[in-house]
Amino acid sequence: MGIGNALEFYDFFTFGYFAIQISHTFFPTSSGLLLTLATYGVGFVTRPLGGFVIGRYGDRVGRKSAMLWSFGLMGFAIIALAVIPSYSQIGVAAPLLLVIIRLLQGFAVGGEVGPSTAFLIESAPRNQRGLYVALQMATQYLAVVAAGVVGFALSAWLSAAQLDAWGWRIAFLIGAAIVPVGLYVRRHLPEQPPESPSIGGAPAAGHVPLRLIALSLMIIAAGTITAYTLGYMNTYMQDTLKFSTNIAFGETILEGLSVVSLALIGGSLSDRFGRKPLMLGGLTSLLLLVLPGYAAIGMSRNVNCRRRGHGPAAGICSLREP
């Protein structure tokens, strides 16, 4: 389950991390990065649809079948994205194909989260559900670590021109190489986890209060906004703060490692102390740290520019400069 989850989010996050390079390939205009980020956002349009369609399919047919479907769609999308011709080769058809593939990616990822989370809950012993469900977030950010390592290596070995021309495609082809392994693993998952009958100790309720649904959506929204704001940090460091590409991918690696470890710790603690204290503590810490964190990032750039003799009028300050 974890391999499939990681691959699906590897593909989704990698698009954002290579947004600058992708913009040069498909949107060679002054507003290319903005158009690329808009294309990245298009993937979120079909995520609710994928969650509904594949989620309902999983309820009727089984979690394994739903996860195989979503994984297969994402495998097709990641290969297609790696081989789309550039704007210079086929013109406006290139960005149109890119948008279609992003819609498919969004549909696949939306269909992945529900069935895989349900599978984890149904597989978990009653006193370890927090830890088991934390694997959902941990494997997503293992994908972030993998994308960061691949990006760091590519930016270290290739020139900026090579990374723009074809280097970013290698990152997606590496993800595509895992597709057969993921399909094999998911095909051999048990359809009905052995612990599933004992969950909750009672049949599922027939009616879920609207208040609970609204609160759950707000919690999910808070986590999702945070995740994709952090996901933009790589592009923010390259395009706005003018750090070098390998420094930006180094940040991505640290981000991924932090979330993987803290997700597992938080899941385990929630089994001991309850879900509510952990959620409130995490959200409060985020609110307190987000502004000082961004201020520190801005200060680090200014210190670096001053150390290398750049004034405010220089406009660009990169750690790659001699």
C-alpha atoms as a PDB file:
ATOM      1  CA  MET A   1       0.000   0.000   0.000  1.00  0.00           C
ATOM      2  CA  GLY A   2       2.781   2.397   0.978  1.00  0.00           C
ATOM      3  CA  ILE A   3       4.677   2.007  -2.310  1.00  0.00           C
ATOM      4  CA  GLY A   4       1.602   2.899  -4.332  1.00  0.00           C
ATOM      5  CA  ASN A   5       0.734   5.841  -2.126  1.00  0.00           C
ATOM      6  CA  ALA A   6       4.299   7.162  -2.301  1.00  0.00           C
ATOM      7  CA  LEU A   7       4.451   6.877  -6.092  1.00  0.00           C
ATOM      8  CA  GLU A   8       1.146   8.666  -6.615  1.00  0.00           C
ATOM      9  CA  PHE A   9       2.266  11.609  -4.513  1.00  0.00           C
ATOM     10  CA  TYR A  10       5.793  11.521  -5.945  1.00  0.00           C
ATOM     11  CA  ASP A  11       4.284  12.276  -9.326  1.00  0.00           C
ATOM     12  CA  PHE A  12       1.948  14.951  -7.985  1.00  0.00           C
ATOM     13  CA  PHE A  13       4.615  16.778  -5.941  1.00  0.00           C
ATOM     14  CA  THR A  14       7.398  16.438  -8.529  1.00  0.00           C
ATOM     15  CA  PHE A  15       5.396  18.491 -11.004  1.00  0.00           C
ATOM     16  CA  GLY A  16       5.405  21.376  -8.537  1.00  0.00           C
ATOM     17  CA  TYR A  17       9.099  21.031  -7.690  1.00  0.00           C
ATOM     18  CA  PHE A  18      10.102  21.210 -11.360  1.00  0.00           C
ATOM     19  CA  ALA A  19       7.596  23.953 -12.192  1.00  0.00           C
ATOM     20  CA  ILE A  20      10.296  26.356 -13.415  1.00  0.00           C
ATOM     21  CA  GLN A  21      11.827  23.804 -15.781  1.00  0.00           C
ATOM     22  CA  ILE A  22       8.407  22.623 -17.002  1.00  0.00           C
ATOM     23  CA  SER A  23       7.392  26.221 -17.678  1.00  0.00           C
ATOM     24  CA  HIS A  24      10.385  26.645 -20.000  1.00  0.00           C
ATOM     25  CA  THR A  25       9.316  23.531 -21.926  1.00  0.00           C
ATOM     26  CA  PHE A  26       5.576  24.135 -22.305  1.00  0.00           C
ATOM     27  CA  PHE A  27       5.013  27.863 -21.692  1.00  0.00           C
ATOM     28  CA  PRO A  28       7.973  29.787 -23.180  1.00  0.00           C
ATOM     29  CA  THR A  29       6.578  33.228 -22.327  1.00  0.00           C
ATOM     30  CA  SER A  30       7.179  35.815 -19.626  1.00  0.00           C
ATOM     31  CA  SER A  31       4.179  34.450 -17.715  1.00  0.00           C
ATOM     32  CA  GLY A  32       5.255  30.831 -18.199  1.00  0.00           C
ATOM     33  CA  LEU A  33       5.750  30.044 -14.515  1.00  0.00           C
ATOM     34  CA  LEU A  34       2.342  31.443 -13.622  1.00  0.00           C
ATOM     35  CA  LEU A  35       0.717  29.322 -16.346  1.00  0.00           C
ATOM     36  CA  THR A  36       2.596  26.248 -15.137  1.00  0.00           C
ATOM     37  CA  LEU A  37       1.452  26.785 -11.555  1.00  0.00           C
ATOM     38  CA  ALA A  38      -2.104  27.243 -12.857  1.00  0.00           C
ATOM     39  CA  THR A  39      -1.740  23.911 -14.657  1.00  0.00           C
ATOM     40  CA  TYR A  40      -0.514  22.392 -11.401  1.00  0.00           C
ATOM     41  CA  GLY A  41      -3.647  23.754  -9.746  1.00  0.00           C
ATOM     42  CA  VAL A  42      -5.864  22.227 -12.435  1.00  0.00           C
ATOM     43  CA  GLY A  43      -5.053  18.844 -10.918  1.00  0.00           C
ATOM     44  CA  PHE A  44      -7.037  19.793  -7.827  1.00  0.00           C
ATOM     45  CA  VAL A  45     -10.205  20.302  -9.871  1.00  0.00           C
ATOM     46  CA  THR A  46     -10.611  16.583 -10.526  1.00  0.00           C
ATOM     47  CA  ARG A  47      -9.432  15.362  -7.113  1.00  0.00           C
ATOM     48  CA  PRO A  48     -12.931  15.557  -5.533  1.00  0.00           C
ATOM     49  CA  LEU A  49     -14.368  13.763  -8.562  1.00  0.00           C
ATOM     50  CA  GLY A  50     -11.745  11.035  -8.291  1.00  0.00           C
ATOM     51  CA  GLY A  51     -12.393  10.727  -4.563  1.00  0.00           C
ATOM     52  CA  PHE A  52     -16.120  10.303  -5.156  1.00  0.00           C
ATOM     53  CA  VAL A  53     -15.960   7.953  -8.159  1.00  0.00           C
ATOM     54  CA  ILE A  54     -13.109   5.707  -7.009  1.00  0.00           C
ATOM     55  CA  GLY A  55     -14.190   5.918  -3.377  1.00  0.00           C
ATOM     56  CA  ARG A  56     -17.699   4.704  -4.237  1.00  0.00           C
ATOM     57  CA  TYR A  57     -16.168   2.019  -6.425  1.00  0.00           C
ATOM     58  CA  GLY A  58     -14.051   0.885  -3.466  1.00  0.00           C
ATOM     59  CA  ASP A  59     -17.130   0.666  -1.239  1.00  0.00           C
ATOM     60  CA  ARG A  60     -18.920  -1.534  -3.761  1.00  0.00           C
ATOM     61  CA  VAL A  61     -16.129  -3.683  -5.159  1.00  0.00           C
ATOM     62  CA  GLY A  62     -13.346  -3.488  -2.560  1.00  0.00           C
ATOM     63  CA  ARG A  63     -10.418  -1.328  -1.502  1.00  0.00           C
ATOM     64  CA  LYS A  64      -7.839  -3.312  -3.446  1.00  0.00           C
ATOM     65  CA  SER A  65      -9.626  -2.894  -6.775  1.00  0.00           C
ATOM     66  CA  ALA A  66     -10.036   0.841  -6.169  1.00  0.00           C
ATOM     67  CA  MET A  67      -6.360   1.270  -5.277  1.00  0.00           C
ATOM     68  CA  LEU A  68      -5.293  -0.700  -8.363  1.00  0.00           C
ATOM     69  CA  TRP A  69      -7.457   1.532 -10.540  1.00  0.00           C
ATOM     70  CA  SER A  70      -6.098   4.772  -9.107  1.00  0.00           C
ATOM     71  CA  PHE A  71      -2.523   3.479  -9.224  1.00  0.00           C
ATOM     72  CA  GLY A  72      -2.852   2.383 -12.838  1.00  0.00           C
ATOM     73  CA  LEU A  73      -4.187   5.797 -13.861  1.00  0.00           C
ATOM     74  CA  MET A  74      -1.323   7.542 -12.109  1.00  0.00           C
ATOM     75  CA  GLY A  75       1.206   5.191 -13.681  1.00  0.00           C
ATOM     76  CA  PHE A  76      -0.136   6.055 -17.142  1.00  0.00           C
ATOM     77  CA  ALA A  77      -0.071   9.773 -16.339  1.00  0.00           C
ATOM     78  CA  ILE A  78       3.498   9.815 -15.058  1.00  0.00           C
ATOM     79  CA  ILE A  79       4.765   8.064 -18.205  1.00  0.00           C
ATOM     80  CA  ALA A  80       2.738  10.368 -20.463  1.00  0.00           C
ATOM     81  CA  LEU A  81       4.035  13.462 -18.691  1.00  0.00           C
ATOM     82  CA  ALA A  82       7.629  12.341 -19.164  1.00  0.00           C
ATOM     83  CA  VAL A  83       7.278  11.952 -22.929  1.00  0.00           C
ATOM     84  CA  ILE A  84       5.015  14.860 -24.002  1.00  0.00           C
ATOM     85  CA  PRO A  85       6.714  16.806 -26.815  1.00  0.00           C
ATOM     86  CA  SER A  86       7.629  20.390 -26.005  1.00  0.00           C
ATOM     87  CA  TYR A  87       5.917  23.582 -27.204  1.00  0.00           C
ATOM     88  CA  SER A  88       8.708  24.098 -29.741  1.00  0.00           C
ATOM     89  CA  GLN A  89       7.892  20.699 -31.278  1.00  0.00           C
ATOM     90  CA  ILE A  90       4.079  20.603 -31.465  1.00  0.00           C
ATOM     91  CA  GLY A  91       3.003  24.101 -30.490  1.00  0.00           C
ATOM     92  CA  VAL A  92      -0.136  24.728 -28.450  1.00  0.00           C
ATOM     93  CA  ALA A  93      -0.976  21.009 -28.393  1.00  0.00           C
ATOM     94  CA  ALA A  94       1.829  20.544 -25.848  1.00  0.00           C
ATOM     95  CA  PRO A  95       0.305  22.624 -23.020  1.00  0.00           C
ATOM     96  CA  LEU A  96      -3.157  21.224 -23.851  1.00  0.00           C
ATOM     97  CA  LEU A  97      -1.859  17.679 -23.382  1.00  0.00           C
ATOM     98  CA  LEU A  98      -0.175  18.793 -20.171  1.00  0.00           C
ATOM     99  CA  VAL A  99      -3.480  20.073 -18.787  1.00  0.00           C
ATOM    100  CA  ILE A 100      -5.280  16.837 -19.715  1.00  0.00           C
ATOM    101  CA  ILE A 101      -2.635  14.768 -17.959  1.00  0.00           C
ATOM    102  CA  ARG A 102      -2.836  16.959 -14.864  1.00  0.00           C
ATOM    103  CA  LEU A 103      -6.604  16.433 -14.769  1.00  0.00           C
ATOM    104  CA  LEU A 104      -5.997  12.685 -14.929  1.00  0.00           C
ATOM    105  CA  GLN A 105      -3.373  12.902 -12.190  1.00  0.00           C
ATOM    106  CA  GLY A 106      -5.752  14.799  -9.952  1.00  0.00           C
ATOM    107  CA  PHE A 107      -8.493  12.227 -10.541  1.00  0.00           C
ATOM    108  CA  ALA A 108      -6.096   9.390  -9.676  1.00  0.00           C
ATOM    109  CA  VAL A 109      -4.739  11.021  -6.515  1.00  0.00           C
ATOM    110  CA  GLY A 110      -8.243  11.929  -5.363  1.00  0.00           C
ATOM    111  CA  GLY A 111      -9.206   8.296  -5.760  1.00  0.00           C
ATOM    112  CA  GLU A 112      -6.109   7.111  -3.911  1.00  0.00           C
ATOM    113  CA  VAL A 113      -6.514   8.853  -0.568  1.00  0.00           C
ATOM    114  CA  GLY A 114      -9.940   7.517   0.430  1.00  0.00           C
ATOM    115  CA  PRO A 115      -9.516   3.791  -0.296  1.00  0.00           C
ATOM    116  CA  SER A 116      -5.940   3.659   1.034  1.00  0.00           C
ATOM    117  CA  THR A 117      -6.895   5.467   4.257  1.00  0.00           C
ATOM    118  CA  ALA A 118      -9.906   3.179   4.701  1.00  0.00           C
ATOM    119  CA  PHE A 119      -7.659   0.177   4.111  1.00  0.00           C
ATOM    120  CA  LEU A 120      -5.250   1.368   6.816  1.00  0.00           C
ATOM    121  CA  ILE A 121      -8.057   1.972   9.310  1.00  0.00           C
ATOM    122  CA  GLU A 122      -9.600  -1.418   8.597  1.00  0.00           C
ATOM    123  CA  SER A 123      -6.206  -3.116   8.940  1.00  0.00           C
ATOM    124  CA  ALA A 124      -5.269  -1.438  12.227  1.00  0.00           C
ATOM    125  CA  PRO A 125      -5.626  -2.932  15.702  1.00  0.00           C
ATOM    126  CA  ARG A 126      -8.019  -0.829  17.747  1.00  0.00           C
ATOM    127  CA  ASN A 127      -5.260   0.725  19.883  1.00  0.00           C
ATOM    128  CA  GLN A 128      -2.959   1.593  16.965  1.00  0.00           C
ATOM    129  CA  ARG A 129      -5.231   3.265  14.449  1.00  0.00           C
ATOM    130  CA  GLY A 130      -3.450   6.619  14.804  1.00  0.00           C
ATOM    131  CA  LEU A 131      -0.096   5.060  13.976  1.00  0.00           C
ATOM    132  CA  TYR A 132      -1.472   3.052  11.056  1.00  0.00           C
ATOM    133  CA  VAL A 133      -3.233   6.047   9.491  1.00  0.00           C
ATOM    134  CA  ALA A 134      -0.076   8.127  10.017  1.00  0.00           C
ATOM    135  CA  LEU A 135       1.490   5.856   7.398  1.00  0.00           C
ATOM    136  CA  GLN A 136      -0.683   7.705   4.874  1.00  0.00           C
ATOM    137  CA  MET A 137       1.131  10.984   5.552  1.00  0.00           C
ATOM    138  CA  ALA A 138       4.500   9.314   6.119  1.00  0.00           C
ATOM    139  CA  THR A 139       4.497   7.568   2.747  1.00  0.00           C
ATOM    140  CA  GLN A 140       3.346  10.745   1.008  1.00  0.00           C
ATOM    141  CA  TYR A 141       6.372  12.542   2.396  1.00  0.00           C
ATOM    142  CA  LEU A 142       8.668   9.646   1.599  1.00  0.00           C
ATOM    143  CA  ALA A 143       7.696  10.647  -1.934  1.00  0.00           C
ATOM    144  CA  VAL A 144       8.766  14.219  -1.121  1.00  0.00           C
ATOM    145  CA  VAL A 145      12.134  12.930   0.115  1.00  0.00           C
ATOM    146  CA  ALA A 146      12.548  10.845  -3.046  1.00  0.00           C
ATOM    147  CA  ALA A 147      11.628  13.786  -5.276  1.00  0.00           C
ATOM    148  CA  GLY A 148      14.053  16.000  -3.357  1.00  0.00           C
ATOM    149  CA  VAL A 149      16.904  13.497  -3.692  1.00  0.00           C
ATOM    150  CA  VAL A 150      16.262  13.064  -7.416  1.00  0.00           C
ATOM    151  CA  GLY A 151      16.041  16.828  -7.946  1.00  0.00           C
ATOM    152  CA  PHE A 152      19.178  17.468  -5.897  1.00  0.00           C
ATOM    153  CA  ALA A 153      21.139  14.864  -7.875  1.00  0.00           C
ATOM    154  CA  LEU A 154      19.922  16.106 -11.248  1.00  0.00           C
ATOM    155  CA  SER A 155      20.643  19.751 -10.423  1.00  0.00           C
ATOM    156  CA  ALA A 156      24.138  18.788  -9.227  1.00  0.00           C
ATOM    157  CA  TRP A 157      25.011  16.686 -12.278  1.00  0.00           C
ATOM    158  CA  LEU A 158      23.329  18.651 -15.049  1.00  0.00           C
ATOM    159  CA  SER A 159      23.658  22.216 -16.229  1.00  0.00           C
ATOM    160  CA  ALA A 160      20.660  24.541 -16.012  1.00  0.00           C
ATOM    161  CA  ALA A 161      20.158  24.190 -19.786  1.00  0.00           C
ATOM    162  CA  GLN A 162      20.187  20.384 -19.590  1.00  0.00           C
ATOM    163  CA  LEU A 163      17.779  20.406 -16.654  1.00  0.00           C
ATOM    164  CA  ASP A 164      15.401  22.621 -18.668  1.00  0.00           C
ATOM    165  CA  ALA A 165      15.707  20.616 -21.876  1.00  0.00           C
ATOM    166  CA  TRP A 166      15.357  17.038 -20.638  1.00  0.00           C
ATOM    167  CA  GLY A 167      16.634  16.630 -17.073  1.00  0.00           C
ATOM    168  CA  TRP A 168      13.236  17.151 -15.435  1.00  0.00           C
ATOM    169  CA  ARG A 169      11.814  14.313 -17.540  1.00  0.00           C
ATOM    170  CA  ILE A 170      14.245  11.889 -15.885  1.00  0.00           C
ATOM    171  CA  ALA A 171      12.599  12.598 -12.530  1.00  0.00           C
ATOM    172  CA  PHE A 172       9.250  11.357 -13.869  1.00  0.00           C
ATOM    173  CA  LEU A 173      10.779   8.352 -15.647  1.00  0.00           C
ATOM    174  CA  ILE A 174      12.347   7.280 -12.344  1.00  0.00           C
ATOM    175  CA  GLY A 175       8.881   7.330 -10.814  1.00  0.00           C
ATOM    176  CA  ALA A 176       7.519   5.373 -13.782  1.00  0.00           C
ATOM    177  CA  ALA A 177      10.089   2.636 -13.136  1.00  0.00           C
ATOM    178  CA  ILE A 178       8.340   1.862  -9.825  1.00  0.00           C
ATOM    179  CA  VAL A 179       4.925   1.319 -11.468  1.00  0.00           C
ATOM    180  CA  PRO A 180       5.350  -2.449 -12.110  1.00  0.00           C
ATOM    181  CA  VAL A 181       6.491  -3.003  -8.513  1.00  0.00           C
ATOM    182  CA  GLY A 182       3.543  -1.062  -7.137  1.00  0.00           C
ATOM    183  CA  LEU A 183       1.045  -2.930  -9.305  1.00  0.00           C
ATOM    184  CA  TYR A 184       2.493  -6.269  -8.203  1.00  0.00           C
ATOM    185  CA  VAL A 185       2.352  -5.350  -4.506  1.00  0.00           C
ATOM    186  CA  ARG A 186      -1.184  -3.994  -4.671  1.00  0.00           C
ATOM    187  CA  ARG A 187      -2.443  -6.974  -6.633  1.00  0.00           C
ATOM    188  CA  HIS A 188      -1.338  -9.225  -3.771  1.00  0.00           C
ATOM    189  CA  LEU A 189      -2.896  -7.217  -0.952  1.00  0.00           C
ATOM    190  CA  PRO A 190      -5.649  -9.004   0.988  1.00  0.00           C
ATOM    191  CA  GLU A 191      -9.074  -7.722  -0.032  1.00  0.00           C
ATOM    192  CA  GLN A 192     -10.524  -7.879   3.475  1.00  0.00           C
ATOM    193  CA  PRO A 193      -8.038  -7.060   6.262  1.00  0.00           C
ATOM    194  CA  PRO A 194      -8.248  -9.610   9.085  1.00  0.00           C
ATOM    195  CA  GLU A 195      -8.862  -7.001  11.793  1.00  0.00           C
ATOM    196  CA  SER A 196     -11.650  -5.159  10.003  1.00  0.00           C
ATOM    197  CA  PRO A 197     -14.621  -6.787  11.774  1.00  0.00           C
ATOM    198  CA  SER A 198     -13.450  -5.532  15.160  1.00  0.00           C
ATOM    199  CA  ILE A 199     -13.170  -1.850  14.300  1.00  0.00           C
ATOM    200  CA  GLY A 200     -15.250   0.288  16.572  1.00  0.00           C
ATOM    201  CA  GLY A 201     -16.821  -2.745  18.197  1.00  0.00           C
ATOM    202  CA  ALA A 202     -20.176  -1.965  16.537  1.00  0.00           C
ATOM    203  CA  PRO A 203     -21.742  -1.581  13.109  1.00  0.00           C
ATOM    204  CA  ALA A 204     -21.132   1.669  11.279  1.00  0.00           C
ATOM    205  CA  ALA A 205     -23.622   4.405  12.042  1.00  0.00           C
ATOM    206  CA  GLY A 206     -26.225   5.078   9.421  1.00  0.00           C
ATOM    207  CA  HIS A 207     -26.165   8.842   9.909  1.00  0.00           C
ATOM    208  CA  VAL A 208     -23.157  11.152  10.283  1.00  0.00           C
ATOM    209  CA  PRO A 209     -23.916  14.561  11.879  1.00  0.00           C
ATOM    210  CA  LEU A 210     -23.423  17.513   9.540  1.00  0.00           C
ATOM    211  CA  ARG A 211     -21.414  19.282  12.251  1.00  0.00           C
ATOM    212  CA  LEU A 212     -18.918  16.416  12.272  1.00  0.00           C
ATOM    213  CA  ILE A 213     -18.671  16.484   8.488  1.00  0.00           C
ATOM    214  CA  ALA A 214     -18.060  20.275   8.494  1.00  0.00           C
ATOM    215  CA  LEU A 215     -15.391  20.040  11.211  1.00  0.00           C
ATOM    216  CA  SER A 216     -13.685  17.170   9.390  1.00  0.00           C
ATOM    217  CA  LEU A 217     -13.579  19.169   6.157  1.00  0.00           C
ATOM    218  CA  MET A 218     -12.059  22.146   7.982  1.00  0.00           C
ATOM    219  CA  ILE A 219      -9.371  19.933   9.519  1.00  0.00           C
ATOM    220  CA  ILE A 220      -8.574  18.420   6.125  1.00  0.00           C
ATOM    221  CA  ALA A 221      -8.482  21.901   4.553  1.00  0.00           C
ATOM    222  CA  ALA A 222      -6.018  23.145   7.170  1.00  0.00           C
ATOM    223  CA  GLY A 223      -3.689  20.218   6.536  1.00  0.00           C
ATOM    224  CA  THR A 224      -4.006  20.432   2.764  1.00  0.00           C
ATOM    225  CA  ILE A 225      -3.316  24.172   2.608  1.00  0.00           C
ATOM    226  CA  THR A 226      -0.244  23.689   4.775  1.00  0.00           C
ATOM    227  CA  ALA A 227       1.030  20.781   2.678  1.00  0.00           C
ATOM    228  CA  TYR A 228       0.805  22.604  -0.635  1.00  0.00           C
ATOM    229  CA  THR A 229       2.167  25.852   0.772  1.00  0.00           C
ATOM    230  CA  LEU A 230       5.222  23.873   1.838  1.00  0.00           C
ATOM    231  CA  GLY A 231       5.209  22.199  -1.552  1.00  0.00           C
ATOM    232  CA  TYR A 232       5.550  25.634  -3.189  1.00  0.00           C
ATOM    233  CA  MET A 233       8.633  26.390  -1.087  1.00  0.00           C
ATOM    234  CA  ASN A 234      10.968  24.790  -3.637  1.00  0.00           C
ATOM    235  CA  THR A 235       9.726  27.081  -6.423  1.00  0.00           C
ATOM    236  CA  TYR A 236       9.635  30.057  -4.043  1.00  0.00           C
ATOM    237  CA  MET A 237      13.298  29.533  -3.163  1.00  0.00           C
ATOM    238  CA  GLN A 238      14.362  29.292  -6.794  1.00  0.00           C
ATOM    239  CA  ASP A 239      12.198  31.951  -8.408  1.00  0.00           C
ATOM    240  CA  THR A 240      11.656  34.545  -5.678  1.00  0.00           C
ATOM    241  CA  LEU A 241      14.596  34.154  -3.298  1.00  0.00           C
ATOM    242  CA  LYS A 242      16.990  33.226  -6.143  1.00  0.00           C
ATOM    243  CA  PHE A 243      18.640  30.353  -4.337  1.00  0.00           C
ATOM    244  CA  SER A 244      20.317  27.723  -6.486  1.00  0.00           C
ATOM    245  CA  THR A 245      18.311  24.712  -7.629  1.00  0.00           C
ATOM    246  CA  ASN A 246      20.266  22.200  -5.532  1.00  0.00           C
ATOM    247  CA  ILE A 247      19.798  24.312  -2.387  1.00  0.00           C
ATOM    248  CA  ALA A 248      16.057  24.398  -3.041  1.00  0.00           C
ATOM    249  CA  PHE A 249      15.943  20.615  -3.422  1.00  0.00           C
ATOM    250  CA  GLY A 250      17.990  20.271  -0.252  1.00  0.00           C
ATOM    251  CA  GLU A 251      15.176  22.099   1.538  1.00  0.00           C
ATOM    252  CA  THR A 252      12.707  19.643   0.008  1.00  0.00           C
ATOM    253  CA  ILE A 253      14.650  16.690   1.410  1.00  0.00           C
ATOM    254  CA  LEU A 254      14.717  18.195   4.912  1.00  0.00           C
ATOM    255  CA  GLU A 255      11.011  18.975   4.721  1.00  0.00           C
ATOM    256  CA  GLY A 256      10.163  15.419   3.718  1.00  0.00           C
ATOM    257  CA  LEU A 257      12.317  13.812   6.412  1.00  0.00           C
ATOM    258  CA  SER A 258      10.798  16.054   9.081  1.00  0.00           C
ATOM    259  CA  VAL A 259       7.216  15.235   8.151  1.00  0.00           C
ATOM    260  CA  VAL A 260       7.863  11.481   7.852  1.00  0.00           C
ATOM    261  CA  SER A 261       9.332  11.278  11.352  1.00  0.00           C
ATOM    262  CA  LEU A 262       6.843  13.642  13.001  1.00  0.00           C
ATOM    263  CA  ALA A 263       3.835  11.996  11.307  1.00  0.00           C
ATOM    264  CA  LEU A 264       4.748   8.620  12.803  1.00  0.00           C
ATOM    265  CA  ILE A 265       5.497  10.140  16.202  1.00  0.00           C
ATOM    266  CA  GLY A 266       2.243  12.117  16.140  1.00  0.00           C
ATOM    267  CA  GLY A 267       0.221   9.073  15.093  1.00  0.00           C
ATOM    268  CA  SER A 268       1.669   7.015  17.910  1.00  0.00           C
ATOM    269  CA  LEU A 269       1.090   9.770  20.474  1.00  0.00           C
ATOM    270  CA  SER A 270      -2.506  10.178  19.320  1.00  0.00           C
ATOM    271  CA  ASP A 271      -3.122   6.537  20.229  1.00  0.00           C
ATOM    272  CA  ARG A 272      -1.955   7.291  23.762  1.00  0.00           C
ATOM    273  CA  PHE A 273      -3.282  10.782  24.422  1.00  0.00           C
ATOM    274  CA  GLY A 274      -6.132  11.190  21.919  1.00  0.00           C
ATOM    275  CA  ARG A 275      -6.530  12.796  18.487  1.00  0.00           C
ATOM    276  CA  LYS A 276      -7.797  16.179  19.632  1.00  0.00           C
ATOM    277  CA  PRO A 277      -4.763  17.306  21.734  1.00  0.00           C
ATOM    278  CA  LEU A 278      -2.376  16.389  18.904  1.00  0.00           C
ATOM    279  CA  MET A 279      -4.408  18.206  16.235  1.00  0.00           C
ATOM    280  CA  LEU A 280      -4.855  21.334  18.341  1.00  0.00           C
ATOM    281  CA  GLY A 281      -1.198  21.341  19.356  1.00  0.00           C
ATOM    282  CA  GLY A 282      -0.010  20.971  15.788  1.00  0.00           C
ATOM    283  CA  LEU A 283      -2.275  23.670  14.372  1.00  0.00           C
ATOM    284  CA  THR A 284      -1.397  26.089  17.187  1.00  0.00           C
ATOM    285  CA  SER A 285       2.324  25.529  16.614  1.00  0.00           C
ATOM    286  CA  LEU A 286       1.846  26.142  12.908  1.00  0.00           C
ATOM    287  CA  LEU A 287       0.029  29.441  13.480  1.00  0.00           C
ATOM    288  CA  LEU A 288       2.745  30.611  15.869  1.00  0.00           C
ATOM    289  CA  LEU A 289       5.673  29.618  13.645  1.00  0.00           C
ATOM    290  CA  VAL A 290       4.565  30.401  10.095  1.00  0.00           C
ATOM    291  CA  LEU A 291       5.294  34.154  10.077  1.00  0.00           C
ATOM    292  CA  PRO A 292       8.634  33.925  11.970  1.00  0.00           C
ATOM    293  CA  GLY A 293       9.583  31.092   9.618  1.00  0.00           C
ATOM    294  CA  TYR A 294       8.991  33.142   6.474  1.00  0.00           C
ATOM    295  CA  ALA A 295      10.788  36.107   8.051  1.00  0.00           C
ATOM    296  CA  ALA A 296      13.818  33.898   8.748  1.00  0.00           C
ATOM    297  CA  ILE A 297      13.838  32.679   5.126  1.00  0.00           C
ATOM    298  CA  GLY A 298      13.855  36.261   3.857  1.00  0.00           C
ATOM    299  CA  MET A 299      16.638  37.234   6.267  1.00  0.00           C
ATOM    300  CA  SER A 300      18.786  34.278   5.185  1.00  0.00           C
ATOM    301  CA  ARG A 301      18.654  35.514   1.599  1.00  0.00           C
ATOM    302  CA  ASN A 302      19.569  39.073   2.601  1.00  0.00           C
ATOM    303  CA  VAL A 303      22.510  37.847   4.697  1.00  0.00           C
ATOM    304  CA  ASN A 304      23.727  35.716   1.805  1.00  0.00           C
ATOM    305  CA  CYS A 305      23.499  38.659  -0.615  1.00  0.00           C
ATOM    306  CA  ARG A 306      25.416  40.964   1.723  1.00  0.00           C
ATOM    307  CA  ARG A 307      28.101  38.339   2.288  1.00  0.00           C
ATOM    308  CA  ARG A 308      28.640  38.030  -1.449  1.00  0.00           C
ATOM    309  CA  GLY A 309      28.667  41.770  -2.044  1.00  0.00           C
ATOM    310  CA  HIS A 310      25.230  42.222  -3.595  1.00  0.00           C
ATOM    311  CA  GLY A 311      23.214  45.326  -2.915  1.00  0.00           C
ATOM    312  CA  PRO A 312      19.452  45.692  -3.181  1.00  0.00           C
ATOM    313  CA  ALA A 313      19.781  46.886  -6.756  1.00  0.00           C
ATOM    314  CA  ALA A 314      21.516  43.718  -7.860  1.00  0.00           C
ATOM    315  CA  GLY A 315      18.163  42.001  -8.227  1.00  0.00           C
ATOM    316  CA  ILE A 316      19.490  38.449  -8.268  1.00  0.00           C
ATOM    317  CA  CYS A 317      21.460  36.616  -5.616  1.00  0.00           C
ATOM    318  CA  SER A 318      22.292  32.930  -6.100  1.00  0.00           C
ATOM    319  CA  LEU A 319      24.387  30.572  -4.027  1.00  0.00           C
ATOM    320  CA  ARG A 320      25.855  29.271  -7.270  1.00  0.00           C
ATOM    321  CA  GLU A 321      27.590  32.566  -7.963  1.00  0.00           C
ATOM    322  CA  PRO A 322      31.361  32.579  -7.469  1.00  0.00           C
END
